[in-house]
Amino acid sequence: MAKINKWREKFMLEVLLFSMMSVKVLCHNIFLMRRFISILGIEPDKEINRKLWEEGIRFAAIAA
């Protein structure tokens, strides 16, 4: 039983570290994209973005 608990703790720690790393990478990518868009002076189309967002939410709901 002790071996299983140690394995589970190790696994959970790896999952949490991976998860935090993923969040950091996501935040960094969002920052870079916003910076890139602002430097180039691109004006995003809010209507297209809203439609894409809703479509992404529908796909996530179907996958869940």
PDB file of N, CA and C in Angstrom:
ATOM      1  N   MET A   1       0.815  -1.183   0.000  1.00  0.00           N
ATOM      2  CA  MET A   1       0.000   0.000   0.000  1.00  0.00           C
ATOM      3  C   MET A   1       0.866   1.258   0.000  1.00  0.00           C
ATOM      4  N   ALA A   2       1.975   1.229   0.703  1.00  0.00           N
ATOM      5  CA  ALA A   2       2.858   2.392   0.773  1.00  0.00           C
ATOM      6  C   ALA A   2       3.432   2.714  -0.601  1.00  0.00           C
ATOM      7  N   LYS A   3       3.765   1.669  -1.384  1.00  0.00           N
ATOM      8  CA  LYS A   3       4.305   1.901  -2.722  1.00  0.00           C
ATOM      9  C   LYS A   3       3.269   2.581  -3.618  1.00  0.00           C
ATOM     10  N   ILE A   4       2.034   2.166  -3.482  1.00  0.00           N
ATOM     11  CA  ILE A   4       0.968   2.769  -4.296  1.00  0.00           C
ATOM     12  C   ILE A   4       0.799   4.237  -3.933  1.00  0.00           C
ATOM     13  N   ASN A   5       0.824   4.550  -2.643  1.00  0.00           N
ATOM     14  CA  ASN A   5       0.695   5.941  -2.214  1.00  0.00           C
ATOM     15  C   ASN A   5       1.853   6.798  -2.722  1.00  0.00           C
ATOM     16  N   LYS A   6       3.077   6.257  -2.663  1.00  0.00           N
ATOM     17  CA  LYS A   6       4.231   7.005  -3.168  1.00  0.00           C
ATOM     18  C   LYS A   6       4.108   7.222  -4.668  1.00  0.00           C
ATOM     19  N   TRP A   7       3.680   6.195  -5.394  1.00  0.00           N
ATOM     20  CA  TRP A   7       3.508   6.331  -6.838  1.00  0.00           C
ATOM     21  C   TRP A   7       2.438   7.367  -7.150  1.00  0.00           C
ATOM     22  N   ARG A   8       1.337   7.319  -6.404  1.00  0.00           N
ATOM     23  CA  ARG A   8       0.246   8.263  -6.638  1.00  0.00           C
ATOM     24  C   ARG A   8       0.693   9.694  -6.353  1.00  0.00           C
ATOM     25  N   GLU A   9       1.433   9.900  -5.263  1.00  0.00           N
ATOM     26  CA  GLU A   9       1.928  11.239  -4.948  1.00  0.00           C
ATOM     27  C   GLU A   9       2.878  11.746  -6.027  1.00  0.00           C
ATOM     28  N   LYS A  10       3.762  10.870  -6.501  1.00  0.00           N
ATOM     29  CA  LYS A  10       4.691  11.249  -7.560  1.00  0.00           C
ATOM     30  C   LYS A  10       3.922  11.604  -8.825  1.00  0.00           C
ATOM     31  N   PHE A  11       2.939  10.792  -9.173  1.00  0.00           N
ATOM     32  CA  PHE A  11       2.135  11.035 -10.373  1.00  0.00           C
ATOM     33  C   PHE A  11       1.390  12.358 -10.264  1.00  0.00           C
ATOM     34  N   MET A  12       0.760  12.630  -9.123  1.00  0.00           N
ATOM     35  CA  MET A  12       0.002  13.869  -8.937  1.00  0.00           C
ATOM     36  C   MET A  12       0.926  15.084  -9.007  1.00  0.00           C
ATOM     37  N   LEU A  13       2.124  14.970  -8.452  1.00  0.00           N
ATOM     38  CA  LEU A  13       3.083  16.065  -8.504  1.00  0.00           C
ATOM     39  C   LEU A  13       3.480  16.344  -9.948  1.00  0.00           C
ATOM     40  N   GLU A  14       3.729  15.292 -10.740  1.00  0.00           N
ATOM     41  CA  GLU A  14       4.086  15.472 -12.147  1.00  0.00           C
ATOM     42  C   GLU A  14       2.935  16.107 -12.918  1.00  0.00           C
ATOM     43  N   VAL A  15       1.713  15.687 -12.644  1.00  0.00           N
ATOM     44  CA  VAL A  15       0.558  16.246 -13.333  1.00  0.00           C
ATOM     45  C   VAL A  15       0.399  17.714 -12.993  1.00  0.00           C
ATOM     46  N   LEU A  16       0.559  18.071 -11.721  1.00  0.00           N
ATOM     47  CA  LEU A  16       0.429  19.465 -11.312  1.00  0.00           C
ATOM     48  C   LEU A  16       1.530  20.322 -11.908  1.00  0.00           C
ATOM     49  N   LEU A  17       2.764  19.800 -11.950  1.00  0.00           N
ATOM     50  CA  LEU A  17       3.851  20.557 -12.545  1.00  0.00           C
ATOM     51  C   LEU A  17       3.606  20.759 -14.032  1.00  0.00           C
ATOM     52  N   PHE A  18       3.142  19.718 -14.705  1.00  0.00           N
ATOM     53  CA  PHE A  18       2.837  19.842 -16.124  1.00  0.00           C
ATOM     54  C   PHE A  18       1.725  20.847 -16.326  1.00  0.00           C
ATOM     55  N   SER A  19       0.744  20.815 -15.475  1.00  0.00           N
ATOM     56  CA  SER A  19      -0.383  21.714 -15.586  1.00  0.00           C
ATOM     57  C   SER A  19       0.061  23.166 -15.399  1.00  0.00           C
ATOM     58  N   MET A  20       0.890  23.438 -14.415  1.00  0.00           N
ATOM     59  CA  MET A  20       1.370  24.793 -14.180  1.00  0.00           C
ATOM     60  C   MET A  20       2.233  25.263 -15.355  1.00  0.00           C
ATOM     61  N   MET A  21       3.044  24.359 -15.884  1.00  0.00           N
ATOM     62  CA  MET A  21       3.867  24.713 -17.033  1.00  0.00           C
ATOM     63  C   MET A  21       2.974  25.053 -18.224  1.00  0.00           C
ATOM     64  N   SER A  22       1.917  24.299 -18.422  1.00  0.00           N
ATOM     65  CA  SER A  22       1.002  24.555 -19.522  1.00  0.00           C
ATOM     66  C   SER A  22       0.341  25.919 -19.372  1.00  0.00           C
ATOM     67  N   VAL A  23      -0.050  26.259 -18.161  1.00  0.00           N
ATOM     68  CA  VAL A  23      -0.679  27.556 -17.912  1.00  0.00           C
ATOM     69  C   VAL A  23       0.316  28.682 -18.192  1.00  0.00           C
ATOM     70  N   LYS A  24       1.553  28.508 -17.763  1.00  0.00           N
ATOM     71  CA  LYS A  24       2.568  29.535 -18.002  1.00  0.00           C
ATOM     72  C   LYS A  24       2.818  29.714 -19.500  1.00  0.00           C
ATOM     73  N   VAL A  25       2.897  28.622 -20.231  1.00  0.00           N
ATOM     74  CA  VAL A  25       3.113  28.700 -21.679  1.00  0.00           C
ATOM     75  C   VAL A  25       1.921  29.377 -22.349  1.00  0.00           C
ATOM     76  N   LEU A  26       0.721  29.023 -21.931  1.00  0.00           N
ATOM     77  CA  LEU A  26      -0.484  29.635 -22.494  1.00  0.00           C
ATOM     78  C   LEU A  26      -0.488  31.143 -22.252  1.00  0.00           C
ATOM     79  N   CYS A  27      -0.192  31.559 -21.032  1.00  0.00           N
ATOM     80  CA  CYS A  27      -0.167  32.989 -20.709  1.00  0.00           C
ATOM     81  C   CYS A  27       0.905  33.714 -21.525  1.00  0.00           C
ATOM     82  N   HIS A  28       2.060  33.101 -21.674  1.00  0.00           N
ATOM     83  CA  HIS A  28       3.131  33.715 -22.452  1.00  0.00           C
ATOM     84  C   HIS A  28       2.724  33.855 -23.921  1.00  0.00           C
ATOM     85  N   ASN A  29       2.087  32.824 -24.470  1.00  0.00           N
ATOM     86  CA  ASN A  29       1.638  32.883 -25.858  1.00  0.00           C
ATOM     87  C   ASN A  29       0.580  33.962 -26.062  1.00  0.00           C
ATOM     88  N   ILE A  30      -0.333  34.088 -25.112  1.00  0.00           N
ATOM     89  CA  ILE A  30      -1.355  35.141 -25.203  1.00  0.00           C
ATOM     90  C   ILE A  30      -0.690  36.512 -25.175  1.00  0.00           C
ATOM     91  N   PHE A  31       0.275  36.693 -24.285  1.00  0.00           N
ATOM     92  CA  PHE A  31       0.994  37.959 -24.211  1.00  0.00           C
ATOM     93  C   PHE A  31       1.681  38.280 -25.529  1.00  0.00           C
ATOM     94  N   LEU A  32       2.376  37.286 -26.108  1.00  0.00           N
ATOM     95  CA  LEU A  32       3.092  37.520 -27.362  1.00  0.00           C
ATOM     96  C   LEU A  32       2.134  37.849 -28.504  1.00  0.00           C
ATOM     97  N   MET A  33       0.997  37.161 -28.577  1.00  0.00           N
ATOM     98  CA  MET A  33       0.032  37.441 -29.640  1.00  0.00           C
ATOM     99  C   MET A  33      -0.549  38.842 -29.489  1.00  0.00           C
ATOM    100  N   ARG A  34      -0.886  39.241 -28.283  1.00  0.00           N
ATOM    101  CA  ARG A  34      -1.413  40.604 -28.065  1.00  0.00           C
ATOM    102  C   ARG A  34      -0.365  41.646 -28.427  1.00  0.00           C
ATOM    103  N   ARG A  35       0.863  41.393 -28.054  1.00  0.00           N
ATOM    104  CA  ARG A  35       1.954  42.323 -28.373  1.00  0.00           C
ATOM    105  C   ARG A  35       2.143  42.418 -29.888  1.00  0.00           C
ATOM    106  N   PHE A  36       2.153  41.286 -30.552  1.00  0.00           N
ATOM    107  CA  PHE A  36       2.310  41.231 -32.010  1.00  0.00           C
ATOM    108  C   PHE A  36       1.190  42.005 -32.703  1.00  0.00           C
ATOM    109  N   ILE A  37      -0.039  41.798 -32.261  1.00  0.00           N
ATOM    110  CA  ILE A  37      -1.190  42.476 -32.860  1.00  0.00           C
ATOM    111  C   ILE A  37      -1.112  43.973 -32.609  1.00  0.00           C
ATOM    112  N   SER A  38      -0.749  44.374 -31.400  1.00  0.00           N
ATOM    113  CA  SER A  38      -0.693  45.808 -31.097  1.00  0.00           C
ATOM    114  C   SER A  38       0.431  46.499 -31.853  1.00  0.00           C
ATOM    115  N   ILE A  39       1.575  45.849 -32.017  1.00  0.00           N
ATOM    116  CA  ILE A  39       2.693  46.461 -32.732  1.00  0.00           C
ATOM    117  C   ILE A  39       2.346  46.657 -34.207  1.00  0.00           C
ATOM    118  N   LEU A  40       1.671  45.680 -34.808  1.00  0.00           N
ATOM    119  CA  LEU A  40       1.309  45.787 -36.221  1.00  0.00           C
ATOM    120  C   LEU A  40       0.092  46.675 -36.449  1.00  0.00           C
ATOM    121  N   GLY A  41      -0.609  47.019 -35.384  1.00  0.00           N
ATOM    122  CA  GLY A  41      -1.771  47.882 -35.520  1.00  0.00           C
ATOM    123  C   GLY A  41      -2.965  47.188 -36.148  1.00  0.00           C
ATOM    124  N   ILE A  42      -3.059  45.893 -35.952  1.00  0.00           N
ATOM    125  CA  ILE A  42      -4.170  45.117 -36.514  1.00  0.00           C
ATOM    126  C   ILE A  42      -5.406  45.327 -35.642  1.00  0.00           C
ATOM    127  N   GLU A  43      -6.529  45.607 -36.265  1.00  0.00           N
ATOM    128  CA  GLU A  43      -7.795  45.738 -35.553  1.00  0.00           C
ATOM    129  C   GLU A  43      -8.595  44.442 -35.733  1.00  0.00           C
ATOM    130  N   PRO A  44      -8.702  43.609 -34.705  1.00  0.00           N
ATOM    131  CA  PRO A  44      -9.442  42.359 -34.844  1.00  0.00           C
ATOM    132  C   PRO A  44     -10.934  42.605 -35.028  1.00  0.00           C
ATOM    133  N   ASP A  45     -11.566  41.747 -35.827  1.00  0.00           N
ATOM    134  CA  ASP A  45     -13.003  41.836 -36.075  1.00  0.00           C
ATOM    135  C   ASP A  45     -13.728  41.131 -34.928  1.00  0.00           C
ATOM    136  N   LYS A  46     -14.425  41.894 -34.102  1.00  0.00           N
ATOM    137  CA  LYS A  46     -15.062  41.343 -32.903  1.00  0.00           C
ATOM    138  C   LYS A  46     -16.186  40.376 -33.245  1.00  0.00           C
ATOM    139  N   GLU A  47     -16.897  40.594 -34.325  1.00  0.00           N
ATOM    140  CA  GLU A  47     -17.994  39.701 -34.704  1.00  0.00           C
ATOM    141  C   GLU A  47     -17.465  38.325 -35.107  1.00  0.00           C
ATOM    142  N   ILE A  48     -16.400  38.290 -35.883  1.00  0.00           N
ATOM    143  CA  ILE A  48     -15.797  37.010 -36.279  1.00  0.00           C
ATOM    144  C   ILE A  48     -15.247  36.302 -35.050  1.00  0.00           C
ATOM    145  N   ASN A  49     -14.577  37.042 -34.167  1.00  0.00           N
ATOM    146  CA  ASN A  49     -14.024  36.436 -32.955  1.00  0.00           C
ATOM    147  C   ASN A  49     -15.123  35.848 -32.079  1.00  0.00           C
ATOM    148  N   ARG A  50     -16.260  36.547 -31.977  1.00  0.00           N
ATOM    149  CA  ARG A  50     -17.371  36.047 -31.165  1.00  0.00           C
ATOM    150  C   ARG A  50     -17.908  34.737 -31.741  1.00  0.00           C
ATOM    151  N   LYS A  51     -18.041  34.655 -33.063  1.00  0.00           N
ATOM    152  CA  LYS A  51     -18.527  33.425 -33.706  1.00  0.00           C
ATOM    153  C   LYS A  51     -17.542  32.278 -33.488  1.00  0.00           C
ATOM    154  N   LEU A  52     -16.254  32.553 -33.630  1.00  0.00           N
ATOM    155  CA  LEU A  52     -15.248  31.509 -33.413  1.00  0.00           C
ATOM    156  C   LEU A  52     -15.248  31.044 -31.960  1.00  0.00           C
ATOM    157  N   TRP A  53     -15.420  31.981 -31.022  1.00  0.00           N
ATOM    158  CA  TRP A  53     -15.475  31.637 -29.604  1.00  0.00           C
ATOM    159  C   TRP A  53     -16.660  30.724 -29.317  1.00  0.00           C
ATOM    160  N   GLU A  54     -17.829  31.065 -29.845  1.00  0.00           N
ATOM    161  CA  GLU A  54     -19.022  30.244 -29.629  1.00  0.00           C
ATOM    162  C   GLU A  54     -18.847  28.858 -30.232  1.00  0.00           C
ATOM    163  N   GLU A  55     -18.220  28.789 -31.397  1.00  0.00           N
ATOM    164  CA  GLU A  55     -17.974  27.491 -32.028  1.00  0.00           C
ATOM    165  C   GLU A  55     -17.027  26.652 -31.171  1.00  0.00           C
ATOM    166  N   GLY A  56     -15.990  27.282 -30.631  1.00  0.00           N
ATOM    167  CA  GLY A  56     -15.060  26.572 -29.757  1.00  0.00           C
ATOM    168  C   GLY A  56     -15.741  26.057 -28.502  1.00  0.00           C
ATOM    169  N   ILE A  57     -16.646  26.856 -27.938  1.00  0.00           N
ATOM    170  CA  ILE A  57     -17.389  26.434 -26.753  1.00  0.00           C
ATOM    171  C   ILE A  57     -18.276  25.231 -27.082  1.00  0.00           C
ATOM    172  N   ARG A  58     -18.917  25.253 -28.258  1.00  0.00           N
ATOM    173  CA  ARG A  58     -19.763  24.112 -28.662  1.00  0.00           C
ATOM    174  C   ARG A  58     -18.936  22.836 -28.799  1.00  0.00           C
ATOM    175  N   PHE A  59     -17.759  22.933 -29.418  1.00  0.00           N
ATOM    176  CA  PHE A  59     -16.900  21.762 -29.559  1.00  0.00           C
ATOM    177  C   PHE A  59     -16.445  21.241 -28.194  1.00  0.00           C
ATOM    178  N   ALA A  60     -16.134  22.159 -27.287  1.00  0.00           N
ATOM    179  CA  ALA A  60     -15.713  21.740 -25.936  1.00  0.00           C
ATOM    180  C   ALA A  60     -16.868  21.056 -25.217  1.00  0.00           C
ATOM    181  N   ALA A  61     -18.087  21.547 -25.393  1.00  0.00           N
ATOM    182  CA  ALA A  61     -19.251  20.929 -24.745  1.00  0.00           C
ATOM    183  C   ALA A  61     -19.490  19.530 -25.316  1.00  0.00           C
ATOM    184  N   ILE A  62     -19.315  19.379 -26.615  1.00  0.00           N
ATOM    185  CA  ILE A  62     -19.509  18.063 -27.239  1.00  0.00           C
ATOM    186  C   ILE A  62     -18.439  17.092 -26.743  1.00  0.00           C
ATOM    187  N   ALA A  63     -17.190  17.571 -26.628  1.00  0.00           N
ATOM    188  CA  ALA A  63     -16.101  16.710 -26.177  1.00  0.00           C
ATOM    189  C   ALA A  63     -16.271  16.305 -24.724  1.00  0.00           C
ATOM    190  N   ALA A  64     -16.885  17.181 -23.933  1.00  0.00           N
ATOM    191  CA  ALA A  64     -17.054  16.867 -22.507  1.00  0.00           C
ATOM    192  C   ALA A  64     -18.161  15.863 -22.382  1.00  0.00           C
TER     193      ALA A  64
END
